[in-house]
Amino acid sequence: MTLAERLNKIISEQNLTKREFASRLGISENYVYILTTNGRSRENVNKKISPALAKLIALEFGYDEKWVLNGES
C-alpha cells in the first residue's frame, strides 16, 4: 500500500474531507493533495512524510505510527 493509499484510507475511515484532515494536522490542503493523489508515476516513487508527521497522524487519528510512515504494522 502506498503512502497515498494509506492516507486516503485514514481520511475515508475518519469520514473527513482533505480540508478537515489538513486542518486537524495543521498542514496545508495543497500538501495533503500532493500526498494523496496518484499523479504521474514518476511523482509517486519517493513520496514520503517525516516521522514527526507520521506520529502526529497516528496520535490524532489512532493509527500505528509505523504503518502510517511506511506501511509496516
C-alpha atoms as a PDB file:
ATOM      1  CA  MET A   1       0.000   0.000   0.000  1.00  0.00           C
ATOM      2  CA  THR A   2       1.439   3.372  -0.988  1.00  0.00           C
ATOM      3  CA  LEU A   3       1.569   6.416   1.266  1.00  0.00           C
ATOM      4  CA  ALA A   4      -1.248   7.969  -0.790  1.00  0.00           C
ATOM      5  CA  GLU A   5      -3.390   4.866  -0.295  1.00  0.00           C
ATOM      6  CA  ARG A   6      -2.722   4.803   3.451  1.00  0.00           C
ATOM      7  CA  LEU A   7      -3.579   8.485   3.878  1.00  0.00           C
ATOM      8  CA  ASN A   8      -6.714   8.165   1.752  1.00  0.00           C
ATOM      9  CA  LYS A   9      -7.732   5.160   3.866  1.00  0.00           C
ATOM     10  CA  ILE A  10      -7.381   7.221   7.049  1.00  0.00           C
ATOM     11  CA  ILE A  11      -9.332  10.129   5.550  1.00  0.00           C
ATOM     12  CA  SER A  12     -12.083   7.789   4.362  1.00  0.00           C
ATOM     13  CA  GLU A  13     -12.331   5.792   7.595  1.00  0.00           C
ATOM     14  CA  GLN A  14     -12.487   9.003   9.640  1.00  0.00           C
ATOM     15  CA  ASN A  15     -15.186  10.444   7.325  1.00  0.00           C
ATOM     16  CA  LEU A  16     -13.127  13.569   6.739  1.00  0.00           C
ATOM     17  CA  THR A  17     -12.565  15.839   3.801  1.00  0.00           C
ATOM     18  CA  LYS A  18      -8.975  16.501   2.821  1.00  0.00           C
ATOM     19  CA  ARG A  19      -9.527  20.058   4.069  1.00  0.00           C
ATOM     20  CA  GLU A  20     -10.572  18.768   7.510  1.00  0.00           C
ATOM     21  CA  PHE A  21      -7.649  16.329   7.576  1.00  0.00           C
ATOM     22  CA  ALA A  22      -5.206  19.144   6.796  1.00  0.00           C
ATOM     23  CA  SER A  23      -6.766  21.455   9.343  1.00  0.00           C
ATOM     24  CA  ARG A  24      -6.590  18.915  12.166  1.00  0.00           C
ATOM     25  CA  LEU A  25      -2.909  18.334  11.414  1.00  0.00           C
ATOM     26  CA  GLY A  26      -2.005  21.981  10.885  1.00  0.00           C
ATOM     27  CA  ILE A  27      -0.744  21.389   7.346  1.00  0.00           C
ATOM     28  CA  SER A  28      -1.841  22.879   4.037  1.00  0.00           C
ATOM     29  CA  GLU A  29      -4.574  21.420   1.881  1.00  0.00           C
ATOM     30  CA  ASN A  30      -2.175  21.554  -1.046  1.00  0.00           C
ATOM     31  CA  TYR A  31       0.314  19.343   0.800  1.00  0.00           C
ATOM     32  CA  VAL A  32      -2.435  16.819   1.586  1.00  0.00           C
ATOM     33  CA  TYR A  33      -3.479  16.871  -2.074  1.00  0.00           C
ATOM     34  CA  ILE A  34       0.105  16.225  -3.189  1.00  0.00           C
ATOM     35  CA  LEU A  35       0.478  13.333  -0.738  1.00  0.00           C
ATOM     36  CA  THR A  36      -2.872  11.711  -1.507  1.00  0.00           C
ATOM     37  CA  THR A  37      -3.085  11.844  -5.277  1.00  0.00           C
ATOM     38  CA  ASN A  38      -1.657   9.394  -7.747  1.00  0.00           C
ATOM     39  CA  GLY A  39      -0.342  11.695 -10.410  1.00  0.00           C
ATOM     40  CA  ARG A  40       2.234  10.735 -12.957  1.00  0.00           C
ATOM     41  CA  SER A  41       4.084   7.571 -11.964  1.00  0.00           C
ATOM     42  CA  ARG A  42       7.486   9.189 -11.523  1.00  0.00           C
ATOM     43  CA  GLU A  43       5.981  11.571  -8.944  1.00  0.00           C
ATOM     44  CA  ASN A  44       4.832   8.693  -6.733  1.00  0.00           C
ATOM     45  CA  VAL A  45       8.112   6.849  -6.424  1.00  0.00           C
ATOM     46  CA  ASN A  46       9.535   8.705  -3.432  1.00  0.00           C
ATOM     47  CA  LYS A  47       6.507  10.242  -1.703  1.00  0.00           C
ATOM     48  CA  LYS A  48       7.373  10.314   1.970  1.00  0.00           C
ATOM     49  CA  ILE A  49       6.392  12.135   5.108  1.00  0.00           C
ATOM     50  CA  SER A  50       8.526  12.940   8.116  1.00  0.00           C
ATOM     51  CA  PRO A  51       8.478  10.676  11.157  1.00  0.00           C
ATOM     52  CA  ALA A  52       7.106  13.643  13.120  1.00  0.00           C
ATOM     53  CA  LEU A  53       4.110  13.997  10.783  1.00  0.00           C
ATOM     54  CA  ALA A  54       3.521  10.233  10.868  1.00  0.00           C
ATOM     55  CA  LYS A  55       3.489  10.383  14.668  1.00  0.00           C
ATOM     56  CA  LEU A  56       1.049  13.302  14.633  1.00  0.00           C
ATOM     57  CA  ILE A  57      -1.289  11.435  12.273  1.00  0.00           C
ATOM     58  CA  ALA A  58      -1.030   8.320  14.440  1.00  0.00           C
ATOM     59  CA  LEU A  59      -1.841  10.220  17.625  1.00  0.00           C
ATOM     60  CA  GLU A  60      -4.599  12.363  16.120  1.00  0.00           C
ATOM     61  CA  PHE A  61      -6.451   9.564  14.342  1.00  0.00           C
ATOM     62  CA  GLY A  62      -5.499   6.400  16.270  1.00  0.00           C
ATOM     63  CA  TYR A  63      -3.335   4.586  13.725  1.00  0.00           C
ATOM     64  CA  ASP A  64       0.008   2.854  14.157  1.00  0.00           C
ATOM     65  CA  GLU A  65       2.871   5.272  13.525  1.00  0.00           C
ATOM     66  CA  LYS A  66       4.991   2.714  11.619  1.00  0.00           C
ATOM     67  CA  TRP A  67       2.038   1.823   9.413  1.00  0.00           C
ATOM     68  CA  VAL A  68       1.398   5.491   8.620  1.00  0.00           C
ATOM     69  CA  LEU A  69       5.066   6.107   7.842  1.00  0.00           C
ATOM     70  CA  ASN A  70       5.959   3.069   5.755  1.00  0.00           C
ATOM     71  CA  GLY A  71       3.140   0.529   5.771  1.00  0.00           C
ATOM     72  CA  GLU A  72       4.632  -1.681   8.491  1.00  0.00           C
ATOM     73  CA  SER A  73       2.480  -2.851  11.334  1.00  0.00           C
END
